[in-house]
Amino acid sequence: MKKSKSTGIIRGIDNLGRVVLPKELRTAMDLTADSKVEIFAEDGAIVMRKYLPRNACAFCGAVAQDAIPFEGRCICPSCWARIAALHPQGEEEKPQV
């Protein structure tokens, strides 16, 4: 697990178990009102991170069945084409699925 940086922010839990995340943290993590997060316990800590489906594009977040796996992440065909346009030989180096 990556070492966490303390923000110095302490929040209470209400009687329904809710915690309000500070706006600065939501902005930094690109969390909006419709964002989904996954919550799990790890090494005695409660960990929450932005949920991205397995085949969600690492650049635009679009979920594509034909997403291209690359170094543990996925890239949708649209973003792949935009990247390839920046580096014309990149299309030839498309990873094999």
Protein backbone atom coordinates (compact mmCIF):
# COMPACT_ATOMS: atom_id res chain seq x y z
CA MET A 1 0.00 0.00 0.00
CA LYS A 2 1.23 3.51 -0.84
CA LYS A 3 2.17 5.64 2.15
CA SER A 4 -0.67 8.04 2.96
CA LYS A 5 -0.21 11.72 3.55
CA SER A 6 -2.03 13.11 6.59
CA THR A 7 -4.28 16.07 5.85
CA GLY A 8 -4.76 16.97 9.51
CA ILE A 9 -8.52 16.99 8.94
CA ILE A 10 -10.68 15.18 11.48
CA ARG A 11 -14.35 14.50 10.77
CA GLY A 12 -17.11 13.01 12.89
CA ILE A 13 -19.44 10.22 11.87
CA ASP A 14 -23.17 10.97 12.13
CA ASN A 15 -25.78 8.55 13.50
CA LEU A 16 -26.30 7.09 10.01
CA GLY A 17 -22.56 6.38 9.59
CA ARG A 18 -21.92 9.21 7.15
CA VAL A 19 -18.73 11.25 6.91
CA VAL A 20 -18.50 14.52 4.98
CA LEU A 21 -15.43 14.75 2.75
CA PRO A 22 -13.87 18.24 2.58
CA LYS A 23 -14.35 20.10 -0.71
CA GLU A 24 -10.58 20.40 -1.23
CA LEU A 25 -10.22 16.62 -1.02
CA ARG A 26 -13.18 16.01 -3.36
CA THR A 27 -11.72 18.47 -5.87
CA ALA A 28 -8.22 16.96 -5.67
CA MET A 29 -9.63 13.46 -6.22
CA ASP A 30 -12.06 14.61 -8.96
CA LEU A 31 -15.06 13.38 -6.96
CA THR A 32 -18.43 14.81 -7.93
CA ALA A 33 -21.94 14.26 -6.58
CA ASP A 34 -22.42 11.31 -8.95
CA SER A 35 -19.00 9.69 -8.32
CA LYS A 36 -18.81 6.21 -6.89
CA VAL A 37 -16.21 5.16 -4.33
CA GLU A 38 -15.15 1.76 -3.09
CA ILE A 39 -14.48 1.26 0.59
CA PHE A 40 -12.48 -1.57 2.15
CA ALA A 41 -10.39 -2.39 5.19
CA GLU A 42 -6.65 -2.83 4.75
CA ASP A 43 -3.95 -3.19 7.41
CA GLY A 44 -6.23 -1.85 10.16
CA ALA A 45 -7.31 1.20 8.13
CA ILE A 46 -10.50 2.10 6.28
CA VAL A 47 -9.53 2.89 2.69
CA MET A 48 -11.78 4.72 0.26
CA ARG A 49 -10.88 5.34 -3.36
CA LYS A 50 -12.65 6.51 -6.47
CA TYR A 51 -14.32 3.55 -8.14
CA LEU A 52 -13.42 2.91 -11.74
CA PRO A 53 -14.85 -0.13 -13.52
CA ARG A 54 -12.21 -2.57 -14.75
CA ASN A 55 -12.67 -1.50 -18.36
CA ALA A 56 -12.88 2.26 -17.70
CA CYS A 57 -10.48 4.41 -19.71
CA ALA A 58 -7.61 5.81 -17.62
CA PHE A 59 -7.88 9.13 -19.51
CA CYS A 60 -11.57 9.91 -20.03
CA GLY A 61 -13.30 7.40 -17.73
CA ALA A 62 -15.49 6.01 -20.52
CA VAL A 63 -16.40 2.35 -20.11
CA ALA A 64 -15.67 0.46 -23.30
CA GLN A 65 -15.97 -3.28 -23.92
CA ASP A 66 -13.14 -2.97 -26.45
CA ALA A 67 -10.83 -1.04 -24.10
CA ILE A 68 -7.14 -1.73 -24.69
CA PRO A 69 -5.27 -3.00 -21.61
CA PHE A 70 -2.00 -1.18 -21.00
CA GLU A 71 0.23 -1.46 -17.91
CA GLY A 72 -2.60 -2.39 -15.56
CA ARG A 73 -5.00 0.25 -16.90
CA CYS A 74 -7.34 0.49 -19.87
CA ILE A 75 -7.45 2.96 -22.74
CA CYS A 76 -10.60 3.37 -24.82
CA PRO A 77 -10.25 3.24 -28.62
CA SER A 78 -11.04 6.97 -28.90
CA CYS A 79 -8.23 8.01 -26.53
CA TRP A 80 -5.90 5.44 -28.11
CA ALA A 81 -6.53 7.04 -31.52
CA ARG A 82 -5.85 10.52 -30.12
CA ILE A 83 -2.58 9.31 -28.57
CA ALA A 84 -1.61 7.51 -31.79
CA ALA A 85 -2.24 10.72 -33.75
CA LEU A 86 0.38 12.45 -31.59
CA HIS A 87 2.87 9.66 -32.36
CA PRO A 88 2.04 8.19 -35.80
CA GLN A 89 4.10 5.03 -35.24
CA GLY A 90 2.14 4.41 -31.98
CA GLU A 91 -0.70 2.65 -33.81
CA GLU A 92 1.72 -0.11 -34.83
CA GLU A 93 2.68 -0.62 -31.18
CA LYS A 94 -0.88 -1.31 -30.01
CA PRO A 95 -0.65 -4.01 -27.32
CA GLN A 96 -2.08 -7.40 -28.22
CA VAL A 97 -5.04 -8.49 -26.09
